[in-house]
Amino acid sequence: MSSRPIDTAPASWSQYEAILDRIGETARLNAAIELSDAVRQIRLDGIRSRHPELSLREAVARLVAEDYGVELPHVE
C-alpha cells in the first residue's frame, strides 16, 4: 500500500488498509469512478450556476476546456 499520511495514527492506517484489502480491487475501482463522476458533476453544476445563460453543451465545453485545455467546436 501507500505510505501512511503523517496526520494519521498507525492504528487507523492499518484499519484503512484492511478495509481496502477486504473490499477488493473491483470495488475500489468502482468507488474511484463514482467519486470522479460526482466531482465532475459538482464542477458542471458550479459552471451552470455561475453562468445560467449557457446551454448544457456550452457548460460541458467549458468544463472540457478547463480540464484538458481543448476548445470544442461550436455547433449550432
C-alpha atoms as a PDB file:
ATOM      1  CA  MET A   1       0.000   0.000   0.000  1.00  0.00           C
ATOM      2  CA  SER A   2       0.957   3.635   0.062  1.00  0.00           C
ATOM      3  CA  SER A   3       2.764   5.471   2.839  1.00  0.00           C
ATOM      4  CA  ARG A   4       0.782   6.475   5.898  1.00  0.00           C
ATOM      5  CA  PRO A   5      -0.045  10.200   5.978  1.00  0.00           C
ATOM      6  CA  ILE A   6       1.708  11.971   8.851  1.00  0.00           C
ATOM      7  CA  ASP A   7      -1.620  13.121  10.319  1.00  0.00           C
ATOM      8  CA  THR A   8      -2.998   9.566  10.521  1.00  0.00           C
ATOM      9  CA  ALA A   9      -2.427   7.285  13.504  1.00  0.00           C
ATOM     10  CA  PRO A  10      -0.773   3.945  12.691  1.00  0.00           C
ATOM     11  CA  ALA A  11      -3.771   2.005  14.046  1.00  0.00           C
ATOM     12  CA  SER A  12      -6.179   3.997  11.885  1.00  0.00           C
ATOM     13  CA  TRP A  13      -3.996   3.473   8.838  1.00  0.00           C
ATOM     14  CA  SER A  14      -3.905  -0.275   9.480  1.00  0.00           C
ATOM     15  CA  GLN A  15      -7.700  -0.371   9.675  1.00  0.00           C
ATOM     16  CA  TYR A  16      -7.959   1.642   6.450  1.00  0.00           C
ATOM     17  CA  GLU A  17      -5.609  -0.748   4.621  1.00  0.00           C
ATOM     18  CA  ALA A  18      -7.513  -3.756   5.962  1.00  0.00           C
ATOM     19  CA  ILE A  19     -10.783  -2.317   4.652  1.00  0.00           C
ATOM     20  CA  LEU A  20      -9.264  -1.685   1.235  1.00  0.00           C
ATOM     21  CA  ASP A  21      -7.942  -5.241   1.118  1.00  0.00           C
ATOM     22  CA  ARG A  22     -11.341  -6.613   2.159  1.00  0.00           C
ATOM     23  CA  ILE A  23     -13.394  -4.755  -0.457  1.00  0.00           C
ATOM     24  CA  GLY A  24     -11.077  -5.772  -3.289  1.00  0.00           C
ATOM     25  CA  GLU A  25      -9.779  -4.129  -6.415  1.00  0.00           C
ATOM     26  CA  THR A  26     -13.041  -4.052  -8.375  1.00  0.00           C
ATOM     27  CA  ALA A  27     -14.968  -2.302  -5.612  1.00  0.00           C
ATOM     28  CA  ARG A  28     -12.106   0.181  -5.139  1.00  0.00           C
ATOM     29  CA  LEU A  29     -12.071   0.932  -8.866  1.00  0.00           C
ATOM     30  CA  ASN A  30     -15.851   1.398  -8.897  1.00  0.00           C
ATOM     31  CA  ALA A  31     -15.643   3.735  -5.897  1.00  0.00           C
ATOM     32  CA  ALA A  32     -12.952   5.797  -7.630  1.00  0.00           C
ATOM     33  CA  ILE A  33     -15.040   6.047 -10.802  1.00  0.00           C
ATOM     34  CA  GLU A  34     -18.139   7.071  -8.842  1.00  0.00           C
ATOM     35  CA  LEU A  35     -16.167   9.718  -6.952  1.00  0.00           C
ATOM     36  CA  SER A  36     -14.678  11.054 -10.184  1.00  0.00           C
ATOM     37  CA  ASP A  37     -18.147  11.243 -11.772  1.00  0.00           C
ATOM     38  CA  ALA A  38     -19.535  13.008  -8.695  1.00  0.00           C
ATOM     39  CA  VAL A  39     -16.744  15.598  -8.687  1.00  0.00           C
ATOM     40  CA  ARG A  40     -17.233  16.221 -12.417  1.00  0.00           C
ATOM     41  CA  GLN A  41     -20.980  16.717 -11.869  1.00  0.00           C
ATOM     42  CA  ILE A  42     -20.360  19.134  -8.984  1.00  0.00           C
ATOM     43  CA  ARG A  43     -17.992  21.132 -11.180  1.00  0.00           C
ATOM     44  CA  LEU A  44     -20.516  21.164 -14.047  1.00  0.00           C
ATOM     45  CA  ASP A  45     -23.260  22.281 -11.651  1.00  0.00           C
ATOM     46  CA  GLY A  46     -20.958  25.070 -10.460  1.00  0.00           C
ATOM     47  CA  ILE A  47     -20.334  26.275 -14.005  1.00  0.00           C
ATOM     48  CA  ARG A  48     -24.056  26.213 -14.740  1.00  0.00           C
ATOM     49  CA  SER A  49     -24.910  28.110 -11.556  1.00  0.00           C
ATOM     50  CA  ARG A  50     -22.318  30.803 -12.291  1.00  0.00           C
ATOM     51  CA  HIS A  51     -23.340  31.000 -15.968  1.00  0.00           C
ATOM     52  CA  PRO A  52     -27.073  30.275 -16.247  1.00  0.00           C
ATOM     53  CA  GLU A  53     -27.048  31.679 -19.783  1.00  0.00           C
ATOM     54  CA  LEU A  54     -25.014  28.698 -21.020  1.00  0.00           C
ATOM     55  CA  SER A  55     -26.683  25.680 -22.554  1.00  0.00           C
ATOM     56  CA  LEU A  56     -25.725  22.278 -21.182  1.00  0.00           C
ATOM     57  CA  ARG A  57     -23.447  21.738 -24.179  1.00  0.00           C
ATOM     58  CA  GLU A  58     -21.726  25.085 -23.638  1.00  0.00           C
ATOM     59  CA  ALA A  59     -21.221  24.306 -19.950  1.00  0.00           C
ATOM     60  CA  VAL A  60     -19.732  20.912 -20.793  1.00  0.00           C
ATOM     61  CA  ALA A  61     -17.486  22.568 -23.386  1.00  0.00           C
ATOM     62  CA  ARG A  62     -16.244  24.958 -20.706  1.00  0.00           C
ATOM     63  CA  LEU A  63     -15.576  22.041 -18.358  1.00  0.00           C
ATOM     64  CA  VAL A  64     -13.623  20.216 -21.088  1.00  0.00           C
ATOM     65  CA  ALA A  65     -11.633  23.375 -21.796  1.00  0.00           C
ATOM     66  CA  GLU A  66     -10.788  23.748 -18.096  1.00  0.00           C
ATOM     67  CA  ASP A  67      -9.785  20.090 -17.709  1.00  0.00           C
ATOM     68  CA  TYR A  68      -7.957  19.467 -20.960  1.00  0.00           C
ATOM     69  CA  GLY A  69      -7.249  22.864 -22.500  1.00  0.00           C
ATOM     70  CA  VAL A  70      -9.220  21.828 -25.572  1.00  0.00           C
ATOM     71  CA  GLU A  71     -11.815  24.085 -27.134  1.00  0.00           C
ATOM     72  CA  LEU A  72     -14.712  22.096 -28.570  1.00  0.00           C
ATOM     73  CA  PRO A  73     -16.013  23.268 -31.934  1.00  0.00           C
ATOM     74  CA  HIS A  74     -19.134  25.410 -31.851  1.00  0.00           C
ATOM     75  CA  VAL A  75     -22.157  23.507 -33.176  1.00  0.00           C
ATOM     76  CA  GLU A  76     -25.445  25.233 -33.888  1.00  0.00           C
END
